[in-house]
Amino acid sequence: CGGYIDFLRESAMGNEGRPLALDPEYEAWLRRVQPNRFPDRVVHAQLLLMARTGDPVIPISCVDETARLLEKAYARARQGDRFRYARLDLEGHGLGPEEGRENFAWLRSRLLGRPTTSLP
């Protein structure tokens, strides 16, 4: 999630599941550095963003917004093929076989120049 403030406020990771109240100075600093504010800064890189819709730690709404902003930035730079968002309909936090398949397919497409498709 490239929206650090949204992540800290929406994640069930801390504060007993309640929204986190941020120190104003810390929030101001986060606003200056969070990738969602400057998505054009990453278009030089090839990027695979993966997220589970049922992740209790990283809210899917936060990742969806990051993906939306990155997709627009890559399109503006005419580098749309360098970005992929894999939104996985899975529960839990972590990496599993599905993420491994997505990652392998992405790497294969990048290294061999083949279209990105999920592996069976």
PDB file of N, CA and C in Angstrom:
ATOM      1  N   CYS A   1       0.841  -1.175   0.000  1.00  0.00           N
ATOM      2  CA  CYS A   1       0.000   0.000   0.000  1.00  0.00           C
ATOM      3  C   CYS A   1       0.887   1.239   0.000  1.00  0.00           C
ATOM      4  N   GLY A   2       0.698   2.072  -0.986  1.00  0.00           N
ATOM      5  CA  GLY A   2       1.498   3.282  -1.085  1.00  0.00           C
ATOM      6  C   GLY A   2       0.884   4.483  -0.399  1.00  0.00           C
ATOM      7  N   GLY A   3      -0.273   4.289   0.209  1.00  0.00           N
ATOM      8  CA  GLY A   3      -0.906   5.364   0.972  1.00  0.00           C
ATOM      9  C   GLY A   3      -0.686   5.096   2.448  1.00  0.00           C
ATOM     10  N   TYR A   4       0.451   5.515   2.949  1.00  0.00           N
ATOM     11  CA  TYR A   4       0.840   5.172   4.319  1.00  0.00           C
ATOM     12  C   TYR A   4      -0.189   5.636   5.353  1.00  0.00           C
ATOM     13  N   ILE A   5      -0.740   6.808   5.159  1.00  0.00           N
ATOM     14  CA  ILE A   5      -1.697   7.337   6.138  1.00  0.00           C
ATOM     15  C   ILE A   5      -2.957   6.477   6.158  1.00  0.00           C
ATOM     16  N   ASP A   6      -3.468   6.142   4.977  1.00  0.00           N
ATOM     17  CA  ASP A   6      -4.645   5.261   4.919  1.00  0.00           C
ATOM     18  C   ASP A   6      -4.336   3.915   5.548  1.00  0.00           C
ATOM     19  N   PHE A   7      -3.164   3.376   5.248  1.00  0.00           N
ATOM     20  CA  PHE A   7      -2.774   2.088   5.818  1.00  0.00           C
ATOM     21  C   PHE A   7      -2.770   2.153   7.346  1.00  0.00           C
ATOM     22  N   LEU A   8      -2.135   3.163   7.894  1.00  0.00           N
ATOM     23  CA  LEU A   8      -2.035   3.270   9.351  1.00  0.00           C
ATOM     24  C   LEU A   8      -3.392   3.486  10.011  1.00  0.00           C
ATOM     25  N   ARG A   9      -4.273   4.148   9.320  1.00  0.00           N
ATOM     26  CA  ARG A   9      -5.604   4.401   9.889  1.00  0.00           C
ATOM     27  C   ARG A   9      -6.554   3.222   9.719  1.00  0.00           C
ATOM     28  N   GLU A  10      -6.444   2.475   8.606  1.00  0.00           N
ATOM     29  CA  GLU A  10      -7.413   1.429   8.293  1.00  0.00           C
ATOM     30  C   GLU A  10      -6.972   0.023   8.685  1.00  0.00           C
ATOM     31  N   SER A  11      -5.692  -0.198   8.876  1.00  0.00           N
ATOM     32  CA  SER A  11      -5.208  -1.541   9.178  1.00  0.00           C
ATOM     33  C   SER A  11      -5.662  -1.995  10.559  1.00  0.00           C
ATOM     34  N   ALA A  12      -6.019  -3.261  10.643  1.00  0.00           N
ATOM     35  CA  ALA A  12      -6.391  -3.850  11.929  1.00  0.00           C
ATOM     36  C   ALA A  12      -5.156  -4.340  12.678  1.00  0.00           C
ATOM     37  N   MET A  13      -3.982  -4.009  12.177  1.00  0.00           N
ATOM     38  CA  MET A  13      -2.725  -4.497  12.718  1.00  0.00           C
ATOM     39  C   MET A  13      -2.462  -3.993  14.141  1.00  0.00           C
ATOM     40  N   GLY A  14      -2.857  -2.811  14.440  1.00  0.00           N
ATOM     41  CA  GLY A  14      -2.546  -2.250  15.752  1.00  0.00           C
ATOM     42  C   GLY A  14      -3.716  -1.491  16.322  1.00  0.00           C
ATOM     43  N   ASN A  15      -3.513  -0.946  17.494  1.00  0.00           N
ATOM     44  CA  ASN A  15      -4.519  -0.114  18.148  1.00  0.00           C
ATOM     45  C   ASN A  15      -5.835  -0.865  18.363  1.00  0.00           C
ATOM     46  N   GLU A  16      -5.716  -2.173  18.576  1.00  0.00           N
ATOM     47  CA  GLU A  16      -6.875  -3.034  18.861  1.00  0.00           C
ATOM     48  C   GLU A  16      -7.972  -2.911  17.816  1.00  0.00           C
ATOM     49  N   GLY A  17      -7.567  -2.756  16.537  1.00  0.00           N
ATOM     50  CA  GLY A  17      -8.528  -2.699  15.447  1.00  0.00           C
ATOM     51  C   GLY A  17      -9.205  -1.358  15.252  1.00  0.00           C
ATOM     52  N   ARG A  18      -8.870  -0.387  16.079  1.00  0.00           N
ATOM     53  CA  ARG A  18      -9.453   0.955  15.943  1.00  0.00           C
ATOM     54  C   ARG A  18      -8.557   1.818  15.057  1.00  0.00           C
ATOM     55  N   PRO A  19      -9.119   2.836  14.414  1.00  0.00           N
ATOM     56  CA  PRO A  19      -8.288   3.747  13.617  1.00  0.00           C
ATOM     57  C   PRO A  19      -7.192   4.364  14.484  1.00  0.00           C
ATOM     58  N   LEU A  20      -6.023   4.498  13.904  1.00  0.00           N
ATOM     59  CA  LEU A  20      -4.877   5.047  14.610  1.00  0.00           C
ATOM     60  C   LEU A  20      -4.870   6.566  14.484  1.00  0.00           C
ATOM     61  N   ALA A  21      -4.768   7.254  15.595  1.00  0.00           N
ATOM     62  CA  ALA A  21      -4.643   8.714  15.594  1.00  0.00           C
ATOM     63  C   ALA A  21      -3.165   9.044  15.410  1.00  0.00           C
ATOM     64  N   LEU A  22      -2.845   9.773  14.359  1.00  0.00           N
ATOM     65  CA  LEU A  22      -1.452  10.093  14.060  1.00  0.00           C
ATOM     66  C   LEU A  22      -1.042  11.428  14.654  1.00  0.00           C
ATOM     67  N   ASP A  23       0.169  11.496  15.141  1.00  0.00           N
ATOM     68  CA  ASP A  23       0.755  12.752  15.574  1.00  0.00           C
ATOM     69  C   ASP A  23       0.787  13.680  14.356  1.00  0.00           C
ATOM     70  N   PRO A  24       0.340  14.922  14.476  1.00  0.00           N
ATOM     71  CA  PRO A  24       0.263  15.816  13.314  1.00  0.00           C
ATOM     72  C   PRO A  24       1.593  15.997  12.577  1.00  0.00           C
ATOM     73  N   GLU A  25       2.695  16.055  13.299  1.00  0.00           N
ATOM     74  CA  GLU A  25       3.994  16.223  12.651  1.00  0.00           C
ATOM     75  C   GLU A  25       4.364  14.970  11.847  1.00  0.00           C
ATOM     76  N   TYR A  26       4.093  13.805  12.416  1.00  0.00           N
ATOM     77  CA  TYR A  26       4.353  12.544  11.733  1.00  0.00           C
ATOM     78  C   TYR A  26       3.455  12.414  10.504  1.00  0.00           C
ATOM     79  N   GLU A  27       2.189  12.788  10.629  1.00  0.00           N
ATOM     80  CA  GLU A  27       1.270  12.729   9.497  1.00  0.00           C
ATOM     81  C   GLU A  27       1.731  13.653   8.373  1.00  0.00           C
ATOM     82  N   ALA A  28       2.212  14.830   8.717  1.00  0.00           N
ATOM     83  CA  ALA A  28       2.700  15.772   7.706  1.00  0.00           C
ATOM     84  C   ALA A  28       3.901  15.183   6.969  1.00  0.00           C
ATOM     85  N   TRP A  29       4.794  14.544   7.703  1.00  0.00           N
ATOM     86  CA  TRP A  29       5.959  13.908   7.072  1.00  0.00           C
ATOM     87  C   TRP A  29       5.513  12.773   6.150  1.00  0.00           C
ATOM     88  N   LEU A  30       4.579  11.941   6.610  1.00  0.00           N
ATOM     89  CA  LEU A  30       4.076  10.844   5.781  1.00  0.00           C
ATOM     90  C   LEU A  30       3.475  11.373   4.479  1.00  0.00           C
ATOM     91  N   ARG A  31       2.739  12.451   4.571  1.00  0.00           N
ATOM     92  CA  ARG A  31       2.131  13.028   3.366  1.00  0.00           C
ATOM     93  C   ARG A  31       3.193  13.442   2.352  1.00  0.00           C
ATOM     94  N   ARG A  32       4.342  13.882   2.838  1.00  0.00           N
ATOM     95  CA  ARG A  32       5.410  14.313   1.933  1.00  0.00           C
ATOM     96  C   ARG A  32       6.137  13.151   1.266  1.00  0.00           C
ATOM     97  N   VAL A  33       6.133  11.978   1.871  1.00  0.00           N
ATOM     98  CA  VAL A  33       6.942  10.870   1.343  1.00  0.00           C
ATOM     99  C   VAL A  33       6.145   9.690   0.792  1.00  0.00           C
ATOM    100  N   GLN A  34       4.855   9.619   1.041  1.00  0.00           N
ATOM    101  CA  GLN A  34       4.114   8.428   0.627  1.00  0.00           C
ATOM    102  C   GLN A  34       4.059   8.306  -0.904  1.00  0.00           C
ATOM    103  N   PRO A  35       4.315   7.102  -1.410  1.00  0.00           N
ATOM    104  CA  PRO A  35       4.356   6.879  -2.866  1.00  0.00           C
ATOM    105  C   PRO A  35       3.067   7.255  -3.596  1.00  0.00           C
ATOM    106  N   ASN A  36       1.908   7.150  -2.962  1.00  0.00           N
ATOM    107  CA  ASN A  36       0.669   7.514  -3.645  1.00  0.00           C
ATOM    108  C   ASN A  36       0.649   8.984  -4.050  1.00  0.00           C
ATOM    109  N   ARG A  37       1.395   9.789  -3.366  1.00  0.00           N
ATOM    110  CA  ARG A  37       1.427  11.217  -3.705  1.00  0.00           C
ATOM    111  C   ARG A  37       2.316  11.481  -4.922  1.00  0.00           C
ATOM    112  N   PHE A  38       3.310  10.618  -5.133  1.00  0.00           N
ATOM    113  CA  PHE A  38       4.268  10.806  -6.221  1.00  0.00           C
ATOM    114  C   PHE A  38       4.437   9.518  -7.034  1.00  0.00           C
ATOM    115  N   PRO A  39       3.364   8.983  -7.612  1.00  0.00           N
ATOM    116  CA  PRO A  39       3.481   7.706  -8.316  1.00  0.00           C
ATOM    117  C   PRO A  39       4.408   7.762  -9.536  1.00  0.00           C
ATOM    118  N   ASP A  40       4.609   8.950 -10.098  1.00  0.00           N
ATOM    119  CA  ASP A  40       5.491   9.062 -11.257  1.00  0.00           C
ATOM    120  C   ASP A  40       6.944   8.740 -10.928  1.00  0.00           C
ATOM    121  N   ARG A  41       7.279   8.759  -9.661  1.00  0.00           N
ATOM    122  CA  ARG A  41       8.659   8.478  -9.261  1.00  0.00           C
ATOM    123  C   ARG A  41       9.056   7.011  -9.434  1.00  0.00           C
ATOM    124  N   VAL A  42       8.077   6.127  -9.624  1.00  0.00           N
ATOM    125  CA  VAL A  42       8.424   4.703  -9.724  1.00  0.00           C
ATOM    126  C   VAL A  42       8.294   4.135 -11.133  1.00  0.00           C
ATOM    127  N   VAL A  43       7.868   4.941 -12.100  1.00  0.00           N
ATOM    128  CA  VAL A  43       7.617   4.386 -13.437  1.00  0.00           C
ATOM    129  C   VAL A  43       8.891   3.945 -14.152  1.00  0.00           C
ATOM    130  N   HIS A  44      10.049   4.268 -13.609  1.00  0.00           N
ATOM    131  CA  HIS A  44      11.304   3.794 -14.208  1.00  0.00           C
ATOM    132  C   HIS A  44      11.499   2.292 -13.967  1.00  0.00           C
ATOM    133  N   ALA A  45      10.763   1.749 -13.009  1.00  0.00           N
ATOM    134  CA  ALA A  45      10.928   0.350 -12.618  1.00  0.00           C
ATOM    135  C   ALA A  45       9.752  -0.493 -13.101  1.00  0.00           C
ATOM    136  N   GLN A  46      10.035  -1.764 -13.325  1.00  0.00           N
ATOM    137  CA  GLN A  46       8.966  -2.713 -13.593  1.00  0.00           C
ATOM    138  C   GLN A  46       8.419  -3.132 -12.240  1.00  0.00           C
ATOM    139  N   LEU A  47       7.095  -3.179 -12.127  1.00  0.00           N
ATOM    140  CA  LEU A  47       6.498  -3.378 -10.817  1.00  0.00           C
ATOM    141  C   LEU A  47       5.313  -4.331 -10.864  1.00  0.00           C
ATOM    142  N   LEU A  48       5.369  -5.338 -10.017  1.00  0.00           N
ATOM    143  CA  LEU A  48       4.251  -6.243  -9.792  1.00  0.00           C
ATOM    144  C   LEU A  48       3.737  -5.948  -8.389  1.00  0.00           C
ATOM    145  N   LEU A  49       2.480  -5.555  -8.295  1.00  0.00           N
ATOM    146  CA  LEU A  49       1.834  -5.275  -7.015  1.00  0.00           C
ATOM    147  C   LEU A  49       0.816  -6.376  -6.777  1.00  0.00           C
ATOM    148  N   MET A  50       0.948  -7.094  -5.670  1.00  0.00           N
ATOM    149  CA  MET A  50       0.015  -8.165  -5.341  1.00  0.00           C
ATOM    150  C   MET A  50      -0.655  -7.868  -4.016  1.00  0.00           C
ATOM    151  N   ALA A  51      -1.929  -8.239  -3.924  1.00  0.00           N
ATOM    152  CA  ALA A  51      -2.657  -8.045  -2.673  1.00  0.00           C
ATOM    153  C   ALA A  51      -3.763  -9.076  -2.568  1.00  0.00           C
ATOM    154  N   ARG A  52      -4.029  -9.472  -1.337  1.00  0.00           N
ATOM    155  CA  ARG A  52      -5.148 -10.367  -1.042  1.00  0.00           C
ATOM    156  C   ARG A  52      -6.343  -9.520  -0.625  1.00  0.00           C
ATOM    157  N   THR A  53      -7.506  -9.839  -1.198  1.00  0.00           N
ATOM    158  CA  THR A  53      -8.707  -9.066  -0.870  1.00  0.00           C
ATOM    159  C   THR A  53      -9.106  -9.223   0.587  1.00  0.00           C
ATOM    160  N   GLY A  54      -8.774 -10.348   1.205  1.00  0.00           N
ATOM    161  CA  GLY A  54      -9.143 -10.600   2.592  1.00  0.00           C
ATOM    162  C   GLY A  54      -7.977 -10.512   3.555  1.00  0.00           C
ATOM    163  N   ASP A  55      -7.006  -9.657   3.253  1.00  0.00           N
ATOM    164  CA  ASP A  55      -5.856  -9.479   4.141  1.00  0.00           C
ATOM    165  C   ASP A  55      -6.284  -8.620   5.332  1.00  0.00           C
ATOM    166  N   PRO A  56      -6.166  -9.142   6.554  1.00  0.00           N
ATOM    167  CA  PRO A  56      -6.595  -8.365   7.717  1.00  0.00           C
ATOM    168  C   PRO A  56      -5.623  -7.250   8.111  1.00  0.00           C
ATOM    169  N   VAL A  57      -4.410  -7.283   7.555  1.00  0.00           N
ATOM    170  CA  VAL A  57      -3.392  -6.298   7.926  1.00  0.00           C
ATOM    171  C   VAL A  57      -3.327  -5.150   6.924  1.00  0.00           C
ATOM    172  N   ILE A  58      -3.355  -5.471   5.639  1.00  0.00           N
ATOM    173  CA  ILE A  58      -3.241  -4.445   4.605  1.00  0.00           C
ATOM    174  C   ILE A  58      -4.600  -4.300   3.924  1.00  0.00           C
ATOM    175  N   PRO A  59      -5.317  -3.233   4.196  1.00  0.00           N
ATOM    176  CA  PRO A  59      -6.662  -3.055   3.639  1.00  0.00           C
ATOM    177  C   PRO A  59      -6.643  -3.022   2.109  1.00  0.00           C
ATOM    178  N   ILE A  60      -7.512  -3.818   1.495  1.00  0.00           N
ATOM    179  CA  ILE A  60      -7.547  -3.880   0.028  1.00  0.00           C
ATOM    180  C   ILE A  60      -7.906  -2.528  -0.571  1.00  0.00           C
ATOM    181  N   SER A  61      -8.684  -1.729   0.130  1.00  0.00           N
ATOM    182  CA  SER A  61      -9.024  -0.396  -0.397  1.00  0.00           C
ATOM    183  C   SER A  61      -7.772   0.455  -0.565  1.00  0.00           C
ATOM    184  N   CYS A  62      -6.834   0.311   0.324  1.00  0.00           N
ATOM    185  CA  CYS A  62      -5.576   1.059   0.256  1.00  0.00           C
ATOM    186  C   CYS A  62      -4.743   0.582  -0.946  1.00  0.00           C
ATOM    187  N   VAL A  63      -4.677  -0.727  -1.142  1.00  0.00           N
ATOM    188  CA  VAL A  63      -3.906  -1.267  -2.261  1.00  0.00           C
ATOM    189  C   VAL A  63      -4.582  -0.929  -3.589  1.00  0.00           C
ATOM    190  N   ASP A  64      -5.907  -1.013  -3.634  1.00  0.00           N
ATOM    191  CA  ASP A  64      -6.636  -0.655  -4.856  1.00  0.00           C
ATOM    192  C   ASP A  64      -6.331   0.787  -5.267  1.00  0.00           C
ATOM    193  N   GLU A  65      -6.306   1.688  -4.303  1.00  0.00           N
ATOM    194  CA  GLU A  65      -6.015   3.088  -4.602  1.00  0.00           C
ATOM    195  C   GLU A  65      -4.581   3.249  -5.105  1.00  0.00           C
ATOM    196  N   THR A  66      -3.650   2.555  -4.475  1.00  0.00           N
ATOM    197  CA  THR A  66      -2.259   2.588  -4.931  1.00  0.00           C
ATOM    198  C   THR A  66      -2.170   2.084  -6.365  1.00  0.00           C
ATOM    199  N   ALA A  67      -2.828   0.967  -6.651  1.00  0.00           N
ATOM    200  CA  ALA A  67      -2.806   0.397  -8.000  1.00  0.00           C
ATOM    201  C   ALA A  67      -3.411   1.367  -9.012  1.00  0.00           C
ATOM    202  N   ARG A  68      -4.512   2.017  -8.648  1.00  0.00           N
ATOM    203  CA  ARG A  68      -5.153   2.973  -9.549  1.00  0.00           C
ATOM    204  C   ARG A  68      -4.200   4.116  -9.906  1.00  0.00           C
ATOM    205  N   LEU A  69      -3.540   4.650  -8.899  1.00  0.00           N
ATOM    206  CA  LEU A  69      -2.612   5.758  -9.130  1.00  0.00           C
ATOM    207  C   LEU A  69      -1.387   5.326  -9.936  1.00  0.00           C
ATOM    208  N   LEU A  70      -0.868   4.141  -9.635  1.00  0.00           N
ATOM    209  CA  LEU A  70       0.291   3.645 -10.371  1.00  0.00           C
ATOM    210  C   LEU A  70      -0.064   3.333 -11.825  1.00  0.00           C
ATOM    211  N   GLU A  71      -1.219   2.743 -12.032  1.00  0.00           N
ATOM    212  CA  GLU A  71      -1.640   2.423 -13.395  1.00  0.00           C
ATOM    213  C   GLU A  71      -1.723   3.707 -14.237  1.00  0.00           C
ATOM    214  N   LYS A  72      -2.276   4.755 -13.666  1.00  0.00           N
ATOM    215  CA  LYS A  72      -2.364   6.039 -14.380  1.00  0.00           C
ATOM    216  C   LYS A  72      -0.973   6.613 -14.654  1.00  0.00           C
ATOM    217  N   ALA A  73      -0.080   6.529 -13.664  1.00  0.00           N
ATOM    218  CA  ALA A  73       1.272   7.069 -13.831  1.00  0.00           C
ATOM    219  C   ALA A  73       2.034   6.310 -14.919  1.00  0.00           C
ATOM    220  N   TYR A  74       1.926   4.982 -14.901  1.00  0.00           N
ATOM    221  CA  TYR A  74       2.599   4.182 -15.932  1.00  0.00           C
ATOM    222  C   TYR A  74       2.010   4.474 -17.307  1.00  0.00           C
ATOM    223  N   ALA A  75       0.708   4.663 -17.391  1.00  0.00           N
ATOM    224  CA  ALA A  75       0.066   4.980 -18.673  1.00  0.00           C
ATOM    225  C   ALA A  75       0.544   6.342 -19.186  1.00  0.00           C
ATOM    226  N   ARG A  76       0.620   7.326 -18.288  1.00  0.00           N
ATOM    227  CA  ARG A  76       1.104   8.660 -18.694  1.00  0.00           C
ATOM    228  C   ARG A  76       2.522   8.580 -19.253  1.00  0.00           C
ATOM    229  N   ALA A  77       3.325   7.703 -18.664  1.00  0.00           N
ATOM    230  CA  ALA A  77       4.712   7.553 -19.101  1.00  0.00           C
ATOM    231  C   ALA A  77       4.835   6.602 -20.300  1.00  0.00           C
ATOM    232  N   ARG A  78       3.698   6.123 -20.779  1.00  0.00           N
ATOM    233  CA  ARG A  78       3.662   5.147 -21.879  1.00  0.00           C
ATOM    234  C   ARG A  78       4.483   3.907 -21.548  1.00  0.00           C
ATOM    235  N   GLN A  79       4.345   3.480 -20.296  1.00  0.00           N
ATOM    236  CA  GLN A  79       5.048   2.302 -19.806  1.00  0.00           C
ATOM    237  C   GLN A  79       4.069   1.313 -19.158  1.00  0.00           C
ATOM    238  N   GLY A  80       2.836   1.299 -19.628  1.00  0.00           N
ATOM    239  CA  GLY A  80       1.794   0.485 -19.024  1.00  0.00           C
ATOM    240  C   GLY A  80       2.131  -0.986 -18.916  1.00  0.00           C
ATOM    241  N   ASP A  81       2.946  -1.504 -19.826  1.00  0.00           N
ATOM    242  CA  ASP A  81       3.311  -2.916 -19.778  1.00  0.00           C
ATOM    243  C   ASP A  81       4.315  -3.220 -18.659  1.00  0.00           C
ATOM    244  N   ARG A  82       4.830  -2.203 -18.006  1.00  0.00           N
ATOM    245  CA  ARG A  82       5.809  -2.408 -16.930  1.00  0.00           C
ATOM    246  C   ARG A  82       5.156  -2.513 -15.549  1.00  0.00           C
ATOM    247  N   PHE A  83       3.819  -2.404 -15.504  1.00  0.00           N
ATOM    248  CA  PHE A  83       3.103  -2.468 -14.230  1.00  0.00           C
ATOM    249  C   PHE A  83       1.994  -3.508 -14.309  1.00  0.00           C
ATOM    250  N   ARG A  84       1.870  -4.302 -13.252  1.00  0.00           N
ATOM    251  CA  ARG A  84       0.780  -5.276 -13.165  1.00  0.00           C
ATOM    252  C   ARG A  84       0.282  -5.310 -11.726  1.00  0.00           C
ATOM    253  N   TYR A  85      -1.037  -5.307 -11.595  1.00  0.00           N
ATOM    254  CA  TYR A  85      -1.682  -5.446 -10.285  1.00  0.00           C
ATOM    255  C   TYR A  85      -2.391  -6.784 -10.257  1.00  0.00           C
ATOM    256  N   ALA A  86      -1.970  -7.639  -9.360  1.00  0.00           N
ATOM    257  CA  ALA A  86      -2.601  -8.944  -9.168  1.00  0.00           C
ATOM    258  C   ALA A  86      -3.417  -8.867  -7.882  1.00  0.00           C
ATOM    259  N   ARG A  87      -4.725  -8.762  -8.039  1.00  0.00           N
ATOM    260  CA  ARG A  87      -5.660  -8.668  -6.902  1.00  0.00           C
ATOM    261  C   ARG A  87      -6.206 -10.069  -6.676  1.00  0.00           C
ATOM    262  N   LEU A  88      -5.735 -10.716  -5.629  1.00  0.00           N
ATOM    263  CA  LEU A  88      -6.048 -12.115  -5.380  1.00  0.00           C
ATOM    264  C   LEU A  88      -7.200 -12.257  -4.404  1.00  0.00           C
ATOM    265  N   ASP A  89      -8.195 -13.032  -4.781  1.00  0.00           N
ATOM    266  CA  ASP A  89      -9.374 -13.249  -3.946  1.00  0.00           C
ATOM    267  C   ASP A  89      -9.040 -14.317  -2.897  1.00  0.00           C
ATOM    268  N   LEU A  90      -8.234 -13.924  -1.927  1.00  0.00           N
ATOM    269  CA  LEU A  90      -7.751 -14.836  -0.892  1.00  0.00           C
ATOM    270  C   LEU A  90      -7.871 -14.180   0.472  1.00  0.00           C
ATOM    271  N   GLU A  91      -7.946 -14.998   1.495  1.00  0.00           N
ATOM    272  CA  GLU A  91      -7.965 -14.530   2.884  1.00  0.00           C
ATOM    273  C   GLU A  91      -6.562 -14.638   3.474  1.00  0.00           C
ATOM    274  N   GLY A  92      -6.344 -13.912   4.541  1.00  0.00           N
ATOM    275  CA  GLY A  92      -5.100 -14.031   5.299  1.00  0.00           C
ATOM    276  C   GLY A  92      -4.016 -13.084   4.828  1.00  0.00           C
ATOM    277  N   HIS A  93      -2.974 -13.012   5.650  1.00  0.00           N
ATOM    278  CA  HIS A  93      -1.842 -12.134   5.384  1.00  0.00           C
ATOM    279  C   HIS A  93      -0.618 -13.004   5.130  1.00  0.00           C
ATOM    280  N   GLY A  94       0.098 -12.711   4.099  1.00  0.00           N
ATOM    281  CA  GLY A  94       1.318 -13.449   3.820  1.00  0.00           C
ATOM    282  C   GLY A  94       1.420 -13.840   2.361  1.00  0.00           C
ATOM    283  N   LEU A  95       2.405 -14.671   2.088  1.00  0.00           N
ATOM    284  CA  LEU A  95       2.643 -15.146   0.734  1.00  0.00           C
ATOM    285  C   LEU A  95       2.396 -16.642   0.685  1.00  0.00           C
ATOM    286  N   GLY A  96       1.709 -17.075  -0.347  1.00  0.00           N
ATOM    287  CA  GLY A  96       1.417 -18.486  -0.517  1.00  0.00           C
ATOM    288  C   GLY A  96       1.660 -18.910  -1.949  1.00  0.00           C
ATOM    289  N   PRO A  97       1.184 -20.093  -2.304  1.00  0.00           N
ATOM    290  CA  PRO A  97       1.407 -20.614  -3.654  1.00  0.00           C
ATOM    291  C   PRO A  97       0.837 -19.721  -4.756  1.00  0.00           C
ATOM    292  N   GLU A  98      -0.298 -19.098  -4.504  1.00  0.00           N
ATOM    293  CA  GLU A  98      -0.905 -18.238  -5.521  1.00  0.00           C
ATOM    294  C   GLU A  98      -0.001 -17.042  -5.838  1.00  0.00           C
ATOM    295  N   GLU A  99       0.550 -16.439  -4.794  1.00  0.00           N
ATOM    296  CA  GLU A  99       1.471 -15.325  -4.999  1.00  0.00           C
ATOM    297  C   GLU A  99       2.730 -15.798  -5.726  1.00  0.00           C
ATOM    298  N   GLY A 100       3.183 -16.995  -5.393  1.00  0.00           N
ATOM    299  CA  GLY A 100       4.348 -17.557  -6.072  1.00  0.00           C
ATOM    300  C   GLY A 100       4.102 -17.739  -7.557  1.00  0.00           C
ATOM    301  N   ARG A 101       2.911 -18.231  -7.918  1.00  0.00           N
ATOM    302  CA  ARG A 101       2.578 -18.398  -9.328  1.00  0.00           C
ATOM    303  C   ARG A 101       2.505 -17.056 -10.050  1.00  0.00           C
ATOM    304  N   GLU A 102       1.880 -16.072  -9.404  1.00  0.00           N
ATOM    305  CA  GLU A 102       1.809 -14.732 -10.010  1.00  0.00           C
ATOM    306  C   GLU A 102       3.209 -14.157 -10.218  1.00  0.00           C
ATOM    307  N   ASN A 103       4.047 -14.303  -9.210  1.00  0.00           N
ATOM    308  CA  ASN A 103       5.411 -13.779  -9.286  1.00  0.00           C
ATOM    309  C   ASN A 103       6.193 -14.466 -10.403  1.00  0.00           C
ATOM    310  N   PHE A 104       6.089 -15.778 -10.488  1.00  0.00           N
ATOM    311  CA  PHE A 104       6.809 -16.518 -11.524  1.00  0.00           C
ATOM    312  C   PHE A 104       6.331 -16.105 -12.913  1.00  0.00           C
ATOM    313  N   ALA A 105       5.023 -15.978 -13.087  1.00  0.00           N
ATOM    314  CA  ALA A 105       4.481 -15.573 -14.381  1.00  0.00           C
ATOM    315  C   ALA A 105       4.981 -14.178 -14.762  1.00  0.00           C
ATOM    316  N   TRP A 106       5.011 -13.279 -13.792  1.00  0.00           N
ATOM    317  CA  TRP A 106       5.497 -11.909 -14.047  1.00  0.00           C
ATOM    318  C   TRP A 106       6.972 -11.924 -14.435  1.00  0.00           C
ATOM    319  N   LEU A 107       7.768 -12.644 -13.671  1.00  0.00           N
ATOM    320  CA  LEU A 107       9.205 -12.707 -13.978  1.00  0.00           C
ATOM    321  C   LEU A 107       9.447 -13.341 -15.345  1.00  0.00           C
ATOM    322  N   ARG A 108       8.719 -14.397 -15.638  1.00  0.00           N
ATOM    323  CA  ARG A 108       8.859 -15.050 -16.939  1.00  0.00           C
ATOM    324  C   ARG A 108       8.519 -14.071 -18.059  1.00  0.00           C
ATOM    325  N   SER A 109       7.456 -13.322 -17.885  1.00  0.00           N
ATOM    326  CA  SER A 109       7.072 -12.371 -18.922  1.00  0.00           C
ATOM    327  C   SER A 109       8.124 -11.279 -19.088  1.00  0.00           C
ATOM    328  N   ARG A 110       8.708 -10.844 -17.996  1.00  0.00           N
ATOM    329  CA  ARG A 110       9.718  -9.785 -18.053  1.00  0.00           C
ATOM    330  C   ARG A 110      11.018 -10.291 -18.674  1.00  0.00           C
ATOM    331  N   LEU A 111      11.435 -11.500 -18.298  1.00  0.00           N
ATOM    332  CA  LEU A 111      12.714 -12.032 -18.771  1.00  0.00           C
ATOM    333  C   LEU A 111      12.643 -12.602 -20.181  1.00  0.00           C
ATOM    334  N   LEU A 112      11.497 -13.194 -20.528  1.00  0.00           N
ATOM    335  CA  LEU A 112      11.386 -13.843 -21.822  1.00  0.00           C
ATOM    336  C   LEU A 112      10.545 -13.057 -22.824  1.00  0.00           C
ATOM    337  N   GLY A 113       9.955 -11.957 -22.379  1.00  0.00           N
ATOM    338  CA  GLY A 113       9.161 -11.138 -23.267  1.00  0.00           C
ATOM    339  C   GLY A 113       7.833 -11.751 -23.650  1.00  0.00           C
ATOM    340  N   ARG A 114       7.323 -12.618 -22.810  1.00  0.00           N
ATOM    341  CA  ARG A 114       6.027 -13.255 -23.079  1.00  0.00           C
ATOM    342  C   ARG A 114       4.951 -12.519 -22.316  1.00  0.00           C
ATOM    343  N   PRO A 115       3.705 -12.596 -22.802  1.00  0.00           N
ATOM    344  CA  PRO A 115       2.611 -11.929 -22.086  1.00  0.00           C
ATOM    345  C   PRO A 115       2.459 -12.470 -20.674  1.00  0.00           C
ATOM    346  N   THR A 116       2.029 -11.600 -19.772  1.00  0.00           N
ATOM    347  CA  THR A 116       1.811 -11.994 -18.393  1.00  0.00           C
ATOM    348  C   THR A 116       0.476 -12.721 -18.262  1.00  0.00           C
ATOM    349  N   THR A 117       0.547 -13.944 -17.813  1.00  0.00           N
ATOM    350  CA  THR A 117      -0.653 -14.698 -17.488  1.00  0.00           C
ATOM    351  C   THR A 117      -0.352 -15.496 -16.244  1.00  0.00           C
ATOM    352  N   SER A 118      -1.358 -15.712 -15.435  1.00  0.00           N
ATOM    353  CA  SER A 118      -1.166 -16.534 -14.248  1.00  0.00           C
ATOM    354  C   SER A 118      -0.932 -17.964 -14.680  1.00  0.00           C
ATOM    355  N   LEU A 119      -0.114 -18.652 -13.927  1.00  0.00           N
ATOM    356  CA  LEU A 119       0.140 -20.061 -14.209  1.00  0.00           C
ATOM    357  C   LEU A 119      -0.986 -20.892 -13.618  1.00  0.00           C
ATOM    358  N   PRO A 120      -1.253 -22.058 -14.198  1.00  0.00           N
ATOM    359  CA  PRO A 120      -2.317 -22.918 -13.621  1.00  0.00           C
ATOM    360  C   PRO A 120      -1.939 -23.446 -12.260  1.00  0.00           C
TER     361      PRO A 120
END
